[in-house]
Amino acid sequence: MSVIDEAVSQLDAKLGGGFDGSAKFVIEGEGAVIVDGAGVRAALDGEEADVTMTANADTFQDILAGNLNPTMAFMSGKLKLDGDMGTAMKLGSALS
């Protein structure tokens, strides 16, 4: 299973099939995942979201596993955000 397929599966399990807003997770060197009201899926090239979060695969896995708080990842520079901070905070709460 690819890193993106694994991320889609884990995010879908955590979020229960949807999210109020849209967020794009860019996993460096692997691809991207979109989370929105329709659910979780691999992102298409150029697909936009309210907020884009970028991290390497290890950081992303640590966040999904609950070993790294998304806010702490951002504060320490391991997670980069571009876009709506409110949406990022809502998603961070949903993942915790």
PDB file of N, CA and C in Angstrom:
ATOM      1  N   MET A   1       0.852  -1.180   0.000  1.00  0.00           N
ATOM      2  CA  MET A   1       0.000   0.000   0.000  1.00  0.00           C
ATOM      3  C   MET A   1       0.900   1.246   0.000  1.00  0.00           C
ATOM      4  N   SER A   2       0.565   2.194  -0.848  1.00  0.00           N
ATOM      5  CA  SER A   2       1.375   3.417  -0.932  1.00  0.00           C
ATOM      6  C   SER A   2       1.136   4.301   0.295  1.00  0.00           C
ATOM      7  N   VAL A   3       2.033   5.245   0.508  1.00  0.00           N
ATOM      8  CA  VAL A   3       1.893   6.189   1.614  1.00  0.00           C
ATOM      9  C   VAL A   3       0.577   6.954   1.479  1.00  0.00           C
ATOM     10  N   ILE A   4       0.224   7.347   0.269  1.00  0.00           N
ATOM     11  CA  ILE A   4      -1.022   8.094   0.049  1.00  0.00           C
ATOM     12  C   ILE A   4      -2.237   7.223   0.362  1.00  0.00           C
ATOM     13  N   ASP A   5      -2.249   5.974  -0.110  1.00  0.00           N
ATOM     14  CA  ASP A   5      -3.374   5.071   0.185  1.00  0.00           C
ATOM     15  C   ASP A   5      -3.521   4.853   1.688  1.00  0.00           C
ATOM     16  N   GLU A   6      -2.399   4.688   2.369  1.00  0.00           N
ATOM     17  CA  GLU A   6      -2.397   4.502   3.820  1.00  0.00           C
ATOM     18  C   GLU A   6      -2.945   5.751   4.522  1.00  0.00           C
ATOM     19  N   ALA A   7      -2.526   6.928   4.051  1.00  0.00           N
ATOM     20  CA  ALA A   7      -2.999   8.191   4.635  1.00  0.00           C
ATOM     21  C   ALA A   7      -4.503   8.348   4.439  1.00  0.00           C
ATOM     22  N   VAL A   8      -4.999   8.027   3.252  1.00  0.00           N
ATOM     23  CA  VAL A   8      -6.439   8.113   2.978  1.00  0.00           C
ATOM     24  C   VAL A   8      -7.190   7.201   3.945  1.00  0.00           C
ATOM     25  N   SER A   9      -6.716   5.986   4.105  1.00  0.00           N
ATOM     26  CA  SER A   9      -7.367   5.015   4.981  1.00  0.00           C
ATOM     27  C   SER A   9      -7.382   5.490   6.435  1.00  0.00           C
ATOM     28  N   GLN A  10      -6.234   5.962   6.929  1.00  0.00           N
ATOM     29  CA  GLN A  10      -6.141   6.400   8.326  1.00  0.00           C
ATOM     30  C   GLN A  10      -6.971   7.659   8.585  1.00  0.00           C
ATOM     31  N   LEU A  11      -6.919   8.616   7.668  1.00  0.00           N
ATOM     32  CA  LEU A  11      -7.712   9.842   7.839  1.00  0.00           C
ATOM     33  C   LEU A  11      -9.203   9.556   7.792  1.00  0.00           C
ATOM     34  N   ASP A  12      -9.607   8.675   6.894  1.00  0.00           N
ATOM     35  CA  ASP A  12     -11.016   8.318   6.773  1.00  0.00           C
ATOM     36  C   ASP A  12     -11.504   7.683   8.076  1.00  0.00           C
ATOM     37  N   ALA A  13     -10.689   6.820   8.669  1.00  0.00           N
ATOM     38  CA  ALA A  13     -11.056   6.170   9.924  1.00  0.00           C
ATOM     39  C   ALA A  13     -11.174   7.193  11.057  1.00  0.00           C
ATOM     40  N   LYS A  14     -10.269   8.163  11.105  1.00  0.00           N
ATOM     41  CA  LYS A  14     -10.275   9.168  12.169  1.00  0.00           C
ATOM     42  C   LYS A  14     -11.414  10.167  12.023  1.00  0.00           C
ATOM     43  N   LEU A  15     -11.743  10.539  10.787  1.00  0.00           N
ATOM     44  CA  LEU A  15     -12.719  11.606  10.550  1.00  0.00           C
ATOM     45  C   LEU A  15     -14.128  11.101  10.301  1.00  0.00           C
ATOM     46  N   GLY A  16     -14.295   9.813  10.129  1.00  0.00           N
ATOM     47  CA  GLY A  16     -15.624   9.262   9.954  1.00  0.00           C
ATOM     48  C   GLY A  16     -16.321   9.680   8.677  1.00  0.00           C
ATOM     49  N   GLY A  17     -15.562   9.901   7.602  1.00  0.00           N
ATOM     50  CA  GLY A  17     -16.166  10.095   6.296  1.00  0.00           C
ATOM     51  C   GLY A  17     -16.380  11.520   5.823  1.00  0.00           C
ATOM     52  N   GLY A  18     -15.933  12.512   6.552  1.00  0.00           N
ATOM     53  CA  GLY A  18     -16.104  13.863   6.043  1.00  0.00           C
ATOM     54  C   GLY A  18     -15.607  14.921   7.005  1.00  0.00           C
ATOM     55  N   PHE A  19     -15.525  16.138   6.490  1.00  0.00           N
ATOM     56  CA  PHE A  19     -15.003  17.252   7.266  1.00  0.00           C
ATOM     57  C   PHE A  19     -15.668  18.527   6.767  1.00  0.00           C
ATOM     58  N   ASP A  20     -16.041  19.412   7.684  1.00  0.00           N
ATOM     59  CA  ASP A  20     -16.685  20.677   7.340  1.00  0.00           C
ATOM     60  C   ASP A  20     -15.610  21.690   6.940  1.00  0.00           C
ATOM     61  N   GLY A  21     -15.328  21.767   5.660  1.00  0.00           N
ATOM     62  CA  GLY A  21     -14.248  22.589   5.125  1.00  0.00           C
ATOM     63  C   GLY A  21     -13.441  21.726   4.181  1.00  0.00           C
ATOM     64  N   SER A  22     -12.304  22.236   3.749  1.00  0.00           N
ATOM     65  CA  SER A  22     -11.452  21.406   2.903  1.00  0.00           C
ATOM     66  C   SER A  22      -9.996  21.636   3.286  1.00  0.00           C
ATOM     67  N   ALA A  23      -9.253  20.540   3.302  1.00  0.00           N
ATOM     68  CA  ALA A  23      -7.837  20.601   3.652  1.00  0.00           C
ATOM     69  C   ALA A  23      -7.064  19.672   2.733  1.00  0.00           C
ATOM     70  N   LYS A  24      -5.877  20.104   2.396  1.00  0.00           N
ATOM     71  CA  LYS A  24      -5.007  19.302   1.548  1.00  0.00           C
ATOM     72  C   LYS A  24      -3.736  18.997   2.337  1.00  0.00           C
ATOM     73  N   PHE A  25      -3.410  17.715   2.449  1.00  0.00           N
ATOM     74  CA  PHE A  25      -2.167  17.289   3.075  1.00  0.00           C
ATOM     75  C   PHE A  25      -1.185  16.945   1.968  1.00  0.00           C
ATOM     76  N   VAL A  26      -0.087  17.667   1.904  1.00  0.00           N
ATOM     77  CA  VAL A  26       0.961  17.353   0.941  1.00  0.00           C
ATOM     78  C   VAL A  26       2.034  16.579   1.692  1.00  0.00           C
ATOM     79  N   ILE A  27       2.254  15.338   1.271  1.00  0.00           N
ATOM     80  CA  ILE A  27       3.286  14.500   1.877  1.00  0.00           C
ATOM     81  C   ILE A  27       4.475  14.533   0.933  1.00  0.00           C
ATOM     82  N   GLU A  28       5.521  15.209   1.378  1.00  0.00           N
ATOM     83  CA  GLU A  28       6.681  15.466   0.517  1.00  0.00           C
ATOM     84  C   GLU A  28       7.208  14.177  -0.114  1.00  0.00           C
ATOM     85  N   GLY A  29       7.362  14.216  -1.434  1.00  0.00           N
ATOM     86  CA  GLY A  29       7.901  13.084  -2.171  1.00  0.00           C
ATOM     87  C   GLY A  29       6.912  11.965  -2.434  1.00  0.00           C
ATOM     88  N   GLU A  30       5.664  12.112  -1.949  1.00  0.00           N
ATOM     89  CA  GLU A  30       4.682  11.033  -2.090  1.00  0.00           C
ATOM     90  C   GLU A  30       3.440  11.448  -2.863  1.00  0.00           C
ATOM     91  N   GLY A  31       2.940  12.666  -2.602  1.00  0.00           N
ATOM     92  CA  GLY A  31       1.711  13.114  -3.230  1.00  0.00           C
ATOM     93  C   GLY A  31       0.883  13.902  -2.239  1.00  0.00           C
ATOM     94  N   ALA A  32      -0.435  13.914  -2.413  1.00  0.00           N
ATOM     95  CA  ALA A  32      -1.298  14.709  -1.547  1.00  0.00           C
ATOM     96  C   ALA A  32      -2.636  14.019  -1.330  1.00  0.00           C
ATOM     97  N   VAL A  33      -3.281  14.402  -0.225  1.00  0.00           N
ATOM     98  CA  VAL A  33      -4.583  13.868   0.167  1.00  0.00           C
ATOM     99  C   VAL A  33      -5.503  15.061   0.418  1.00  0.00           C
ATOM    100  N   ILE A  34      -6.747  14.957  -0.036  1.00  0.00           N
ATOM    101  CA  ILE A  34      -7.765  15.986   0.203  1.00  0.00           C
ATOM    102  C   ILE A  34      -8.780  15.446   1.212  1.00  0.00           C
ATOM    103  N   VAL A  35      -9.146  16.301   2.171  1.00  0.00           N
ATOM    104  CA  VAL A  35     -10.195  16.000   3.141  1.00  0.00           C
ATOM    105  C   VAL A  35     -11.247  17.092   2.991  1.00  0.00           C
ATOM    106  N   ASP A  36     -12.505  16.696   2.748  1.00  0.00           N
ATOM    107  CA  ASP A  36     -13.583  17.680   2.649  1.00  0.00           C
ATOM    108  C   ASP A  36     -14.912  17.031   2.987  1.00  0.00           C
ATOM    109  N   GLY A  37     -15.998  17.701   2.695  1.00  0.00           N
ATOM    110  CA  GLY A  37     -17.322  17.188   3.011  1.00  0.00           C
ATOM    111  C   GLY A  37     -17.661  15.885   2.312  1.00  0.00           C
ATOM    112  N   ALA A  38     -16.987  15.599   1.198  1.00  0.00           N
ATOM    113  CA  ALA A  38     -17.235  14.362   0.455  1.00  0.00           C
ATOM    114  C   ALA A  38     -16.439  13.188   1.014  1.00  0.00           C
ATOM    115  N   GLY A  39     -15.484  13.464   1.915  1.00  0.00           N
ATOM    116  CA  GLY A  39     -14.678  12.399   2.491  1.00  0.00           C
ATOM    117  C   GLY A  39     -13.194  12.655   2.308  1.00  0.00           C
ATOM    118  N   VAL A  40     -12.455  11.562   2.180  1.00  0.00           N
ATOM    119  CA  VAL A  40     -10.998  11.614   2.066  1.00  0.00           C
ATOM    120  C   VAL A  40     -10.598  10.899   0.787  1.00  0.00           C
ATOM    121  N   ARG A  41      -9.677  11.524   0.020  1.00  0.00           N
ATOM    122  CA  ARG A  41      -9.257  10.904  -1.244  1.00  0.00           C
ATOM    123  C   ARG A  41      -7.869  11.413  -1.628  1.00  0.00           C
ATOM    124  N   ALA A  42      -7.231  10.706  -2.533  1.00  0.00           N
ATOM    125  CA  ALA A  42      -5.975  11.186  -3.102  1.00  0.00           C
ATOM    126  C   ALA A  42      -6.285  12.438  -3.909  1.00  0.00           C
ATOM    127  N   ALA A  43      -5.436  13.446  -3.779  1.00  0.00           N
ATOM    128  CA  ALA A  43      -5.655  14.717  -4.477  1.00  0.00           C
ATOM    129  C   ALA A  43      -5.225  14.619  -5.935  1.00  0.00           C
ATOM    130  N   LEU A  44      -5.953  15.298  -6.781  1.00  0.00           N
ATOM    131  CA  LEU A  44      -5.576  15.422  -8.185  1.00  0.00           C
ATOM    132  C   LEU A  44      -4.598  16.583  -8.320  1.00  0.00           C
ATOM    133  N   ASP A  45      -3.772  16.557  -9.349  1.00  0.00           N
ATOM    134  CA  ASP A  45      -2.832  17.655  -9.582  1.00  0.00           C
ATOM    135  C   ASP A  45      -3.578  18.978  -9.654  1.00  0.00           C
ATOM    136  N   GLY A  46      -3.109  19.964  -8.903  1.00  0.00           N
ATOM    137  CA  GLY A  46      -3.701  21.292  -8.939  1.00  0.00           C
ATOM    138  C   GLY A  46      -4.960  21.466  -8.120  1.00  0.00           C
ATOM    139  N   GLU A  47      -5.425  20.412  -7.452  1.00  0.00           N
ATOM    140  CA  GLU A  47      -6.641  20.520  -6.646  1.00  0.00           C
ATOM    141  C   GLU A  47      -6.373  21.428  -5.443  1.00  0.00           C
ATOM    142  N   GLU A  48      -7.264  22.386  -5.217  1.00  0.00           N
ATOM    143  CA  GLU A  48      -7.089  23.377  -4.163  1.00  0.00           C
ATOM    144  C   GLU A  48      -7.969  23.055  -2.956  1.00  0.00           C
ATOM    145  N   ALA A  49      -7.605  23.647  -1.798  1.00  0.00           N
ATOM    146  CA  ALA A  49      -8.374  23.475  -0.570  1.00  0.00           C
ATOM    147  C   ALA A  49      -8.284  24.755   0.253  1.00  0.00           C
ATOM    148  N   ASP A  50      -9.109  24.852   1.299  1.00  0.00           N
ATOM    149  CA  ASP A  50      -9.094  26.032   2.173  1.00  0.00           C
ATOM    150  C   ASP A  50      -7.728  26.198   2.844  1.00  0.00           C
ATOM    151  N   VAL A  51      -7.107  25.077   3.189  1.00  0.00           N
ATOM    152  CA  VAL A  51      -5.791  25.103   3.822  1.00  0.00           C
ATOM    153  C   VAL A  51      -4.955  23.953   3.263  1.00  0.00           C
ATOM    154  N   THR A  52      -3.677  24.224   3.060  1.00  0.00           N
ATOM    155  CA  THR A  52      -2.745  23.188   2.613  1.00  0.00           C
ATOM    156  C   THR A  52      -1.698  23.000   3.699  1.00  0.00           C
ATOM    157  N   MET A  53      -1.532  21.743   4.124  1.00  0.00           N
ATOM    158  CA  MET A  53      -0.540  21.398   5.135  1.00  0.00           C
ATOM    159  C   MET A  53       0.513  20.514   4.498  1.00  0.00           C
ATOM    160  N   THR A  54       1.770  20.862   4.700  1.00  0.00           N
ATOM    161  CA  THR A  54       2.866  20.131   4.076  1.00  0.00           C
ATOM    162  C   THR A  54       3.802  19.592   5.147  1.00  0.00           C
ATOM    163  N   ALA A  55       4.141  18.315   5.022  1.00  0.00           N
ATOM    164  CA  ALA A  55       5.070  17.679   5.957  1.00  0.00           C
ATOM    165  C   ALA A  55       5.713  16.487   5.263  1.00  0.00           C
ATOM    166  N   ASN A  56       6.789  15.960   5.865  1.00  0.00           N
ATOM    167  CA  ASN A  56       7.371  14.743   5.312  1.00  0.00           C
ATOM    168  C   ASN A  56       6.559  13.543   5.797  1.00  0.00           C
ATOM    169  N   ALA A  57       6.802  12.378   5.229  1.00  0.00           N
ATOM    170  CA  ALA A  57       6.002  11.189   5.537  1.00  0.00           C
ATOM    171  C   ALA A  57       6.102  10.806   7.014  1.00  0.00           C
ATOM    172  N   ASP A  58       7.286  10.924   7.609  1.00  0.00           N
ATOM    173  CA  ASP A  58       7.461  10.554   9.019  1.00  0.00           C
ATOM    174  C   ASP A  58       6.628  11.447   9.929  1.00  0.00           C
ATOM    175  N   THR A  59       6.658  12.752   9.687  1.00  0.00           N
ATOM    176  CA  THR A  59       5.876  13.689  10.505  1.00  0.00           C
ATOM    177  C   THR A  59       4.392  13.403  10.357  1.00  0.00           C
ATOM    178  N   PHE A  60       3.945  13.180   9.128  1.00  0.00           N
ATOM    179  CA  PHE A  60       2.536  12.897   8.877  1.00  0.00           C
ATOM    180  C   PHE A  60       2.110  11.623   9.604  1.00  0.00           C
ATOM    181  N   GLN A  61       2.937  10.576   9.543  1.00  0.00           N
ATOM    182  CA  GLN A  61       2.618   9.318  10.237  1.00  0.00           C
ATOM    183  C   GLN A  61       2.544   9.526  11.745  1.00  0.00           C
ATOM    184  N   ASP A  62       3.475  10.319  12.289  1.00  0.00           N
ATOM    185  CA  ASP A  62       3.462  10.593  13.735  1.00  0.00           C
ATOM    186  C   ASP A  62       2.191  11.322  14.157  1.00  0.00           C
ATOM    187  N   ILE A  63       1.727  12.257  13.328  1.00  0.00           N
ATOM    188  CA  ILE A  63       0.483  12.976  13.630  1.00  0.00           C
ATOM    189  C   ILE A  63      -0.696  12.004  13.610  1.00  0.00           C
ATOM    190  N   LEU A  64      -0.783  11.171  12.580  1.00  0.00           N
ATOM    191  CA  LEU A  64      -1.899  10.227  12.473  1.00  0.00           C
ATOM    192  C   LEU A  64      -1.889   9.193  13.591  1.00  0.00           C
ATOM    193  N   ALA A  65      -0.697   8.794  14.022  1.00  0.00           N
ATOM    194  CA  ALA A  65      -0.582   7.788  15.083  1.00  0.00           C
ATOM    195  C   ALA A  65      -0.848   8.371  16.466  1.00  0.00           C
ATOM    196  N   GLY A  66      -0.954   9.705  16.539  1.00  0.00           N
ATOM    197  CA  GLY A  66      -1.178  10.344  17.822  1.00  0.00           C
ATOM    198  C   GLY A  66       0.092  10.588  18.613  1.00  0.00           C
ATOM    199  N   ASN A  67       1.250  10.371  17.980  1.00  0.00           N
ATOM    200  CA  ASN A  67       2.538  10.573  18.643  1.00  0.00           C
ATOM    201  C   ASN A  67       3.016  12.015  18.563  1.00  0.00           C
ATOM    202  N   LEU A  68       2.400  12.809  17.682  1.00  0.00           N
ATOM    203  CA  LEU A  68       2.798  14.206  17.505  1.00  0.00           C
ATOM    204  C   LEU A  68       1.543  15.057  17.356  1.00  0.00           C
ATOM    205  N   ASN A  69       1.398  16.042  18.209  1.00  0.00           N
ATOM    206  CA  ASN A  69       0.276  16.958  18.156  1.00  0.00           C
ATOM    207  C   ASN A  69       0.452  17.859  16.928  1.00  0.00           C
ATOM    208  N   PRO A  70      -0.597  18.027  16.095  1.00  0.00           N
ATOM    209  CA  PRO A  70      -0.465  18.870  14.897  1.00  0.00           C
ATOM    210  C   PRO A  70      -0.001  20.298  15.209  1.00  0.00           C
ATOM    211  N   THR A  71      -0.475  20.866  16.326  1.00  0.00           N
ATOM    212  CA  THR A  71      -0.061  22.226  16.698  1.00  0.00           C
ATOM    213  C   THR A  71       1.432  22.259  17.014  1.00  0.00           C
ATOM    214  N   MET A  72       1.910  21.255  17.748  1.00  0.00           N
ATOM    215  CA  MET A  72       3.332  21.195  18.078  1.00  0.00           C
ATOM    216  C   MET A  72       4.173  20.985  16.813  1.00  0.00           C
ATOM    217  N   ALA A  73       3.658  20.195  15.884  1.00  0.00           N
ATOM    218  CA  ALA A  73       4.369  19.973  14.618  1.00  0.00           C
ATOM    219  C   ALA A  73       4.518  21.292  13.863  1.00  0.00           C
ATOM    220  N   PHE A  74       3.459  22.090  13.866  1.00  0.00           N
ATOM    221  CA  PHE A  74       3.503  23.397  13.216  1.00  0.00           C
ATOM    222  C   PHE A  74       4.480  24.330  13.933  1.00  0.00           C
ATOM    223  N   MET A  75       4.380  24.393  15.272  1.00  0.00           N
ATOM    224  CA  MET A  75       5.230  25.295  16.058  1.00  0.00           C
ATOM    225  C   MET A  75       6.718  24.940  15.917  1.00  0.00           C
ATOM    226  N   SER A  76       7.014  23.657  15.728  1.00  0.00           N
ATOM    227  CA  SER A  76       8.412  23.229  15.628  1.00  0.00           C
ATOM    228  C   SER A  76       8.930  23.269  14.187  1.00  0.00           C
ATOM    229  N   GLY A  77       8.052  23.662  13.243  1.00  0.00           N
ATOM    230  CA  GLY A  77       8.480  23.783  11.854  1.00  0.00           C
ATOM    231  C   GLY A  77       8.407  22.492  11.058  1.00  0.00           C
ATOM    232  N   LYS A  78       7.888  21.423  11.653  1.00  0.00           N
ATOM    233  CA  LYS A  78       7.778  20.144  10.943  1.00  0.00           C
ATOM    234  C   LYS A  78       6.568  20.104  10.019  1.00  0.00           C
ATOM    235  N   LEU A  79       5.587  20.975  10.291  1.00  0.00           N
ATOM    236  CA  LEU A  79       4.363  21.051   9.496  1.00  0.00           C
ATOM    237  C   LEU A  79       4.200  22.488   9.022  1.00  0.00           C
ATOM    238  N   LYS A  80       4.066  22.665   7.710  1.00  0.00           N
ATOM    239  CA  LYS A  80       3.895  24.005   7.138  1.00  0.00           C
ATOM    240  C   LYS A  80       2.432  24.191   6.743  1.00  0.00           C
ATOM    241  N   LEU A  81       1.891  25.383   6.979  1.00  0.00           N
ATOM    242  CA  LEU A  81       0.505  25.684   6.646  1.00  0.00           C
ATOM    243  C   LEU A  81       0.440  26.810   5.638  1.00  0.00           C
ATOM    244  N   ASP A  82      -0.500  26.698   4.708  1.00  0.00           N
ATOM    245  CA  ASP A  82      -0.765  27.763   3.755  1.00  0.00           C
ATOM    246  C   ASP A  82      -2.277  27.849   3.589  1.00  0.00           C
ATOM    247  N   GLY A  83      -2.856  28.969   3.991  1.00  0.00           N
ATOM    248  CA  GLY A  83      -4.300  29.122   3.837  1.00  0.00           C
ATOM    249  C   GLY A  83      -4.972  29.445   5.153  1.00  0.00           C
ATOM    250  N   ASP A  84      -6.186  28.956   5.330  1.00  0.00           N
ATOM    251  CA  ASP A  84      -7.042  29.308   6.454  1.00  0.00           C
ATOM    252  C   ASP A  84      -6.642  28.591   7.743  1.00  0.00           C
ATOM    253  N   MET A  85      -6.107  29.356   8.692  1.00  0.00           N
ATOM    254  CA  MET A  85      -5.663  28.792   9.970  1.00  0.00           C
ATOM    255  C   MET A  85      -6.825  28.204  10.759  1.00  0.00           C
ATOM    256  N   GLY A  86      -8.014  28.801  10.675  1.00  0.00           N
ATOM    257  CA  GLY A  86      -9.185  28.281  11.384  1.00  0.00           C
ATOM    258  C   GLY A  86      -9.536  26.870  10.940  1.00  0.00           C
ATOM    259  N   THR A  87      -9.491  26.625   9.649  1.00  0.00           N
ATOM    260  CA  THR A  87      -9.759  25.285   9.124  1.00  0.00           C
ATOM    261  C   THR A  87      -8.700  24.307   9.619  1.00  0.00           C
ATOM    262  N   ALA A  88      -7.451  24.735   9.634  1.00  0.00           N
ATOM    263  CA  ALA A  88      -6.354  23.882  10.123  1.00  0.00           C
ATOM    264  C   ALA A  88      -6.574  23.524  11.587  1.00  0.00           C
ATOM    265  N   MET A  89      -7.016  24.482  12.385  1.00  0.00           N
ATOM    266  CA  MET A  89      -7.249  24.229  13.803  1.00  0.00           C
ATOM    267  C   MET A  89      -8.414  23.254  14.013  1.00  0.00           C
ATOM    268  N   LYS A  90      -9.484  23.424  13.218  1.00  0.00           N
ATOM    269  CA  LYS A  90     -10.619  22.495  13.307  1.00  0.00           C
ATOM    270  C   LYS A  90     -10.185  21.078  12.973  1.00  0.00           C
ATOM    271  N   LEU A  91      -9.376  20.952  11.929  1.00  0.00           N
ATOM    272  CA  LEU A  91      -8.914  19.626  11.518  1.00  0.00           C
ATOM    273  C   LEU A  91      -7.972  19.050  12.563  1.00  0.00           C
ATOM    274  N   GLY A  92      -7.100  19.883  13.116  1.00  0.00           N
ATOM    275  CA  GLY A  92      -6.196  19.418  14.164  1.00  0.00           C
ATOM    276  C   GLY A  92      -6.967  18.857  15.355  1.00  0.00           C
ATOM    277  N   SER A  93      -8.047  19.523  15.734  1.00  0.00           N
ATOM    278  CA  SER A  93      -8.888  19.048  16.833  1.00  0.00           C
ATOM    279  C   SER A  93      -9.548  17.722  16.487  1.00  0.00           C
ATOM    280  N   ALA A  94      -9.989  17.589  15.258  1.00  0.00           N
ATOM    281  CA  ALA A  94     -10.637  16.346  14.828  1.00  0.00           C
ATOM    282  C   ALA A  94      -9.663  15.170  14.811  1.00  0.00           C
ATOM    283  N   LEU A  95      -8.390  15.453  14.560  1.00  0.00           N
ATOM    284  CA  LEU A  95      -7.384  14.394  14.489  1.00  0.00           C
ATOM    285  C   LEU A  95      -6.845  13.996  15.864  1.00  0.00           C
ATOM    286  N   SER A  96      -7.034  14.853  16.849  1.00  0.00           N
ATOM    287  CA  SER A  96      -6.495  14.581  18.194  1.00  0.00           C
ATOM    288  C   SER A  96      -7.295  13.559  18.935  1.00  0.00           C
TER     289      SER A  96
END
